[in-house]
Amino acid sequence: MEKEINNIQKVESFVKAFNDFKKEISKVIVGQEDVVNQVLISVFSNGHCLLVGVPGLAKTLLVQTIANVLGLKFNRIQFTPDLMPSDIIGTEILDESKNFKFIKGPLFANVVLADEINRTPPKTQSALLECMQERSVTSAGEKYILDAPFFVLATQNPIEQEGTYPLPEAQLDRFMFNVVLDYPNYDEELMIVKMTSSINKVNLDNIMSADDIINYQKLVNSIPINDNVLEYAVKLVSKTRPNSLHSTEYVNDYIDWGAGPRASQYIVLAAKCHALINGKYSPDIEDVKSIAKPILRHRIVKNYKAESQGLTVDDIIDNIL
């Protein structure tokens, strides 16, 4: 009984912290509620997030605001065609004693903004693989553990493809969410222009510490999930794989490659967090459906037939759901 009361208090504390977090972010970011929810779910699920949108939609500002509200160490890396792996990981130099000394790069932070991640060559993109999966960096055979919590929040411009390098599938799979940002509506745009064309300065409060985030991540992991919901989530991912046990004729016709097991893991974790922020103590099928699209959309490769018929990956996911 005491354990149950303790769990209820933890959930109530998490819901309050989440809502306070969103309220603080809304001082700077107007609208984009689904986007903010998805980014915060990835943070509390210990995942990384890819933000895709045209210029001027406050992708970078959103990441900076989240880092400020969390009070964590934040580094921004502007990805460019001439960026080298050592520019982000760090490099070894000879010190005064003629010994090699490792100088840490900008990856050694709690929140790393990888701005326009697709502007750098695959060699540099691949430098992120180890840190995103294992939360560590290897240089000259020496392994360095990154501070917890650690998130990579990356931005990408979907329209300007000149001078860009498509993210390899292994890199995309490291991102928990692929969040698509859309234009604000008329009223939101009015509010944005009012806020940004005045001299009023917004002061952001730190809502939680690094230890708070780690504890909330443990809470999300500890939430129980019913077998039928777990089976639904795994079956949903399995359905995206053509010619598999659960695939439909529609999937076989339009998909070349489906999502891997990491998608199943992320869907379950994100469903748990989605349930928590809505005051539930265990996720249901609606929670799985709510977060399925941003988790699956960058893990499905459609074929030429889907391209020729003008089908988007989101259309295909809607059909599977």
Protein backbone atom coordinates (compact mmCIF):
# COMPACT_ATOMS: atom_id res chain seq x y z
CA MET A 1 0.00 0.00 0.00
CA GLU A 2 2.82 2.38 0.96
CA LYS A 3 4.62 1.58 -2.31
CA GLU A 4 1.44 2.32 -4.29
CA ILE A 5 1.00 5.72 -2.57
CA ASN A 6 4.66 6.49 -3.27
CA ASN A 7 4.19 5.67 -6.98
CA ILE A 8 1.10 7.90 -7.16
CA GLN A 9 3.09 10.78 -5.65
CA LYS A 10 5.91 10.23 -8.15
CA VAL A 11 3.48 10.31 -11.08
CA GLU A 12 1.78 13.46 -9.76
CA SER A 13 5.20 15.08 -9.29
CA PHE A 14 6.16 14.17 -12.86
CA VAL A 15 2.92 15.55 -14.35
CA LYS A 16 3.40 18.82 -12.45
CA ALA A 17 7.04 19.12 -13.53
CA PHE A 18 6.09 18.38 -17.16
CA ASN A 19 3.34 21.03 -17.18
CA ASP A 20 5.61 23.58 -15.47
CA PHE A 21 8.22 22.81 -18.10
CA LYS A 22 5.75 23.44 -20.94
CA LYS A 23 4.49 26.62 -19.30
CA GLU A 24 8.02 27.99 -19.05
CA ILE A 25 8.79 27.10 -22.69
CA SER A 26 5.58 28.86 -23.82
CA LYS A 27 7.08 32.18 -22.64
CA VAL A 28 9.34 31.95 -25.71
CA ILE A 29 7.77 29.37 -28.06
CA VAL A 30 4.27 30.16 -29.38
CA GLY A 31 2.05 27.21 -30.33
CA GLN A 32 3.77 24.01 -31.58
CA GLU A 33 2.22 22.06 -28.68
CA ASP A 34 2.61 18.63 -30.33
CA VAL A 35 6.22 19.41 -31.22
CA VAL A 36 7.05 20.49 -27.65
CA ASN A 37 5.31 17.39 -26.25
CA GLN A 38 7.26 15.06 -28.54
CA VAL A 39 10.62 16.69 -27.78
CA LEU A 40 9.96 16.52 -24.02
CA ILE A 41 8.81 12.89 -24.27
CA SER A 42 12.11 12.06 -25.98
CA VAL A 43 14.00 13.87 -23.18
CA PHE A 44 12.21 11.94 -20.41
CA SER A 45 12.53 8.67 -22.34
CA ASN A 46 16.30 9.21 -22.66
CA GLY A 47 16.09 9.47 -26.45
CA HIS A 48 17.33 11.83 -29.16
CA CYS A 49 15.19 13.97 -31.42
CA LEU A 50 15.40 15.13 -35.06
CA LEU A 51 13.47 18.34 -35.83
CA VAL A 52 12.58 18.76 -39.50
CA GLY A 53 11.17 22.05 -40.79
CA VAL A 54 11.71 24.98 -43.12
CA PRO A 55 13.82 27.92 -41.90
CA GLY A 56 12.29 30.35 -39.42
CA LEU A 57 10.10 27.91 -37.48
CA ALA A 58 12.14 28.33 -34.24
CA LYS A 59 13.74 24.87 -34.28
CA THR A 60 17.01 26.17 -32.86
CA LEU A 61 15.23 28.51 -30.43
CA LEU A 62 13.15 25.60 -29.10
CA VAL A 63 16.25 23.54 -28.33
CA GLN A 64 18.03 26.49 -26.69
CA THR A 65 14.93 27.26 -24.59
CA ILE A 66 14.65 23.64 -23.40
CA ALA A 67 18.33 23.67 -22.39
CA ASN A 68 17.87 26.97 -20.51
CA VAL A 69 14.78 25.76 -18.65
CA LEU A 70 16.54 22.52 -17.70
CA GLY A 71 19.61 24.39 -16.46
CA LEU A 72 21.90 21.86 -18.16
CA LYS A 73 25.19 22.35 -19.98
CA PHE A 74 24.34 23.21 -23.58
CA ASN A 75 26.52 23.27 -26.70
CA ARG A 76 25.52 24.14 -30.23
CA ILE A 77 27.40 22.64 -33.18
CA GLN A 78 26.81 24.24 -36.57
CA PHE A 79 27.27 21.42 -39.05
CA THR A 80 29.09 22.48 -42.22
CA PRO A 81 30.67 20.59 -45.18
CA ASP A 82 34.20 21.13 -43.81
CA LEU A 83 33.45 19.96 -40.24
CA MET A 84 35.74 17.11 -39.12
CA PRO A 85 35.02 14.39 -36.50
CA SER A 86 37.70 15.86 -34.21
CA ASP A 87 35.86 19.21 -34.31
CA ILE A 88 32.95 17.69 -32.40
CA ILE A 89 34.54 14.83 -30.41
CA GLY A 90 37.76 16.55 -29.40
CA THR A 91 41.41 16.01 -30.20
CA GLU A 92 44.70 15.08 -28.59
CA ILE A 93 47.45 17.69 -28.29
CA LEU A 94 50.99 17.68 -26.92
CA ASP A 95 51.17 19.56 -23.63
CA GLU A 96 54.21 21.31 -22.11
CA SER A 97 55.47 17.98 -20.70
CA LYS A 98 55.47 16.42 -24.19
CA ASN A 99 52.57 14.16 -23.17
CA PHE A 100 49.40 13.76 -25.17
CA LYS A 101 46.38 15.43 -23.60
CA PHE A 102 42.77 15.02 -24.75
CA ILE A 103 40.90 18.29 -25.27
CA LYS A 104 37.17 17.61 -25.09
CA GLY A 105 34.99 18.80 -27.99
CA PRO A 106 31.48 20.30 -27.88
CA LEU A 107 29.89 16.83 -27.61
CA PHE A 108 30.80 16.91 -23.91
CA ALA A 109 27.60 18.58 -22.75
CA ASN A 110 24.16 17.50 -21.52
CA VAL A 111 22.20 18.97 -24.43
CA VAL A 112 23.87 19.09 -27.85
CA LEU A 113 22.18 20.97 -30.68
CA ALA A 114 23.33 19.50 -34.01
CA ASP A 115 22.22 22.38 -36.23
CA GLU A 116 21.53 21.42 -39.87
CA ILE A 117 22.98 17.97 -39.28
CA ASN A 118 22.63 16.97 -42.95
CA ARG A 119 25.11 19.64 -44.09
CA THR A 120 28.16 17.65 -42.97
CA PRO A 121 29.71 14.62 -44.74
CA PRO A 122 28.99 11.04 -43.59
CA LYS A 123 32.47 10.79 -41.98
CA THR A 124 31.53 13.49 -39.46
CA GLN A 125 27.93 12.30 -39.08
CA SER A 126 29.24 8.86 -38.11
CA ALA A 127 31.17 10.43 -35.22
CA LEU A 128 27.78 10.84 -33.52
CA LEU A 129 26.87 7.14 -33.68
CA GLU A 130 28.78 6.00 -30.60
CA CYS A 131 27.82 8.95 -28.40
CA MET A 132 24.11 8.65 -29.29
CA GLN A 133 23.91 4.93 -28.61
CA GLU A 134 26.47 4.31 -25.86
CA ARG A 135 26.75 7.80 -24.31
CA SER A 136 30.53 7.62 -24.71
CA VAL A 137 33.28 8.86 -27.02
CA THR A 138 36.42 6.97 -28.10
CA SER A 139 39.55 8.87 -29.08
CA ALA A 140 42.99 7.29 -29.71
CA GLY A 141 41.74 4.05 -28.14
CA GLU A 142 40.62 5.78 -24.92
CA LYS A 143 36.94 5.71 -23.94
CA TYR A 144 35.37 8.80 -22.34
CA ILE A 145 31.92 8.57 -20.70
CA LEU A 146 29.58 11.50 -21.35
CA ASP A 147 27.74 13.17 -18.48
CA ALA A 148 24.14 12.09 -17.85
CA PRO A 149 21.61 13.10 -18.95
CA PHE A 150 22.76 13.39 -22.58
CA PHE A 151 20.57 14.33 -25.56
CA VAL A 152 21.27 15.14 -29.18
CA LEU A 153 18.59 17.42 -30.59
CA ALA A 154 19.26 17.85 -34.31
CA THR A 155 17.66 20.14 -36.90
CA GLN A 156 17.25 19.59 -40.62
CA ASN A 157 15.89 21.71 -43.46
CA PRO A 158 13.73 19.55 -45.79
CA ILE A 159 13.61 21.88 -48.79
CA GLU A 160 17.14 23.03 -49.54
CA GLN A 161 19.00 19.92 -50.67
CA GLU A 162 21.97 21.54 -52.43
CA GLY A 163 25.17 20.91 -50.49
CA THR A 164 23.55 18.39 -48.13
CA TYR A 165 24.28 14.75 -47.35
CA PRO A 166 21.31 12.45 -46.62
CA LEU A 167 21.52 10.94 -43.13
CA PRO A 168 22.39 7.22 -43.33
CA GLU A 169 19.79 4.80 -41.98
CA ALA A 170 22.05 3.83 -39.02
CA GLN A 171 22.19 7.50 -38.01
CA LEU A 172 18.44 8.05 -38.45
CA ASP A 173 17.69 4.96 -36.36
CA ARG A 174 19.51 6.51 -33.40
CA PHE A 175 16.86 9.24 -33.22
CA MET A 176 13.83 8.32 -31.16
CA PHE A 177 11.58 10.91 -32.84
CA ASN A 178 11.47 12.53 -36.25
CA VAL A 179 9.38 15.63 -35.47
CA VAL A 180 7.97 17.62 -38.39
CA LEU A 181 7.38 21.32 -37.72
CA ASP A 182 4.70 23.16 -39.69
CA TYR A 183 3.94 26.85 -40.21
CA PRO A 184 2.13 28.60 -37.34
CA ASN A 185 -1.50 29.61 -37.84
CA TYR A 186 -2.45 33.28 -38.32
CA ASP A 187 -3.08 34.06 -34.63
CA GLU A 188 0.14 32.33 -33.56
CA GLU A 189 2.14 34.25 -36.16
CA LEU A 190 0.63 37.53 -34.90
CA MET A 191 1.74 36.62 -31.37
CA ILE A 192 5.25 35.67 -32.58
CA VAL A 193 5.70 38.98 -34.40
CA LYS A 194 4.48 40.94 -31.34
CA MET A 195 6.88 39.11 -29.03
CA THR A 196 9.93 39.38 -31.28
CA SER A 197 9.49 42.99 -32.36
CA SER A 198 9.39 44.50 -28.86
CA ILE A 199 12.09 45.19 -26.28
CA ASN A 200 10.53 43.00 -23.58
CA LYS A 201 13.08 40.48 -22.31
CA VAL A 202 11.85 37.06 -21.19
CA ASN A 203 13.45 35.55 -18.10
CA LEU A 204 13.32 31.76 -17.95
CA ASP A 205 13.39 29.84 -14.66
CA ASN A 206 15.20 26.53 -14.19
CA ILE A 207 12.44 23.97 -13.64
CA MET A 208 14.51 20.88 -12.81
CA SER A 209 18.06 19.64 -12.31
CA ALA A 210 20.02 16.87 -14.03
CA ASP A 211 19.24 14.53 -11.10
CA ASP A 212 15.50 15.26 -11.44
CA ILE A 213 15.60 14.32 -15.13
CA ILE A 214 17.47 11.07 -14.42
CA ASN A 215 14.91 10.17 -11.72
CA TYR A 216 12.01 10.90 -14.09
CA GLN A 217 13.68 8.75 -16.76
CA LYS A 218 13.85 5.89 -14.24
CA LEU A 219 10.16 6.47 -13.42
CA VAL A 220 9.21 6.20 -17.11
CA ASN A 221 11.17 2.92 -17.38
CA SER A 222 9.52 1.49 -14.27
CA ILE A 223 5.92 2.05 -15.42
CA PRO A 224 4.21 -1.34 -16.01
CA ILE A 225 2.67 -2.16 -19.39
CA ASN A 226 -0.01 -4.76 -20.08
CA ASP A 227 0.90 -7.66 -22.37
CA ASN A 228 -1.84 -6.80 -24.89
CA VAL A 229 -0.45 -3.24 -25.29
CA LEU A 230 3.12 -4.55 -25.59
CA GLU A 231 2.01 -7.07 -28.23
CA TYR A 232 0.12 -4.34 -30.11
CA ALA A 233 3.24 -2.13 -30.20
CA VAL A 234 5.55 -4.91 -31.42
CA LYS A 235 2.97 -6.11 -33.98
CA LEU A 236 2.59 -2.52 -35.25
CA VAL A 237 6.33 -2.30 -35.95
CA SER A 238 6.35 -5.78 -37.46
CA LYS A 239 3.58 -4.72 -39.88
CA THR A 240 5.95 -2.15 -41.44
CA ARG A 241 8.26 -4.93 -42.70
CA PRO A 242 7.29 -6.20 -46.16
CA ASN A 243 6.75 -9.94 -46.59
CA SER A 244 6.82 -10.54 -42.83
CA LEU A 245 4.37 -12.51 -40.68
CA HIS A 246 2.12 -9.49 -39.94
CA SER A 247 2.55 -7.40 -43.11
CA THR A 248 -0.45 -6.60 -45.30
CA GLU A 249 -0.67 -6.54 -49.08
CA TYR A 250 -0.59 -2.73 -48.89
CA VAL A 251 2.75 -2.80 -47.03
CA ASN A 252 4.20 -5.37 -49.45
CA ASP A 253 3.20 -3.13 -52.36
CA TYR A 254 4.62 0.18 -51.11
CA ILE A 255 7.48 -0.42 -48.63
CA ASP A 256 11.03 -1.54 -49.39
CA TRP A 257 12.30 -1.63 -45.80
CA GLY A 258 10.48 -1.46 -42.49
CA ALA A 259 11.36 -0.44 -38.93
CA GLY A 260 13.75 -2.50 -36.78
CA PRO A 261 13.52 -3.66 -33.15
CA ARG A 262 14.77 -0.29 -31.84
CA ALA A 263 11.46 1.19 -33.05
CA SER A 264 9.55 -1.30 -30.85
CA GLN A 265 11.66 -0.34 -27.83
CA TYR A 266 11.14 3.38 -28.45
CA ILE A 267 7.39 3.01 -29.02
CA VAL A 268 6.94 1.25 -25.69
CA LEU A 269 9.07 3.82 -23.81
CA ALA A 270 7.35 6.79 -25.48
CA ALA A 271 3.90 5.27 -24.84
CA LYS A 272 4.80 4.96 -21.15
CA CYS A 273 5.86 8.62 -21.01
CA HIS A 274 2.77 9.71 -22.98
CA ALA A 275 0.58 7.86 -20.48
CA LEU A 276 2.36 9.51 -17.54
CA ILE A 277 1.97 13.07 -18.82
CA ASN A 278 -1.74 12.38 -19.15
CA GLY A 279 -1.95 11.18 -15.54
CA LYS A 280 -2.23 7.46 -16.35
CA TYR A 281 -0.29 4.77 -14.50
CA SER A 282 0.04 2.40 -17.45
CA PRO A 283 -0.05 2.99 -21.23
CA ASP A 284 -2.92 1.80 -23.41
CA ILE A 285 -3.25 1.31 -27.17
CA GLU A 286 -4.25 4.96 -27.68
CA ASP A 287 -0.90 6.03 -26.16
CA VAL A 288 0.90 3.78 -28.66
CA LYS A 289 -1.05 5.25 -31.58
CA SER A 290 -0.38 8.81 -30.39
CA ILE A 291 3.41 8.50 -30.62
CA ALA A 292 3.75 5.92 -33.43
CA LYS A 293 4.07 8.33 -36.36
CA PRO A 294 7.14 10.38 -35.29
CA ILE A 295 8.90 7.14 -34.28
CA LEU A 296 8.17 5.22 -37.49
CA ARG A 297 8.37 7.91 -40.19
CA HIS A 298 12.18 7.93 -40.48
CA ARG A 299 12.49 4.15 -40.24
CA ILE A 300 10.35 3.23 -43.25
CA VAL A 301 11.75 3.28 -46.79
CA LYS A 302 8.98 3.48 -49.41
CA ASN A 303 9.50 2.08 -52.91
CA TYR A 304 9.21 3.54 -56.42
CA LYS A 305 5.53 2.51 -56.63
CA ALA A 306 4.67 4.63 -53.59
CA GLU A 307 6.73 7.50 -55.06
CA SER A 308 4.92 7.30 -58.41
CA GLN A 309 1.51 7.41 -56.68
CA GLY A 310 2.51 10.40 -54.53
CA LEU A 311 2.19 8.51 -51.25
CA THR A 312 4.07 9.91 -48.25
CA VAL A 313 5.48 7.78 -45.43
CA ASP A 314 2.85 9.36 -43.14
CA ASP A 315 0.10 8.13 -45.51
CA ILE A 316 1.50 4.62 -45.26
CA ILE A 317 1.69 4.77 -41.44
CA ASP A 318 -1.92 6.03 -41.31
CA ASN A 319 -2.96 2.98 -43.36
CA ILE A 320 -1.06 0.60 -41.05
CA LEU A 321 -2.62 2.23 -37.96
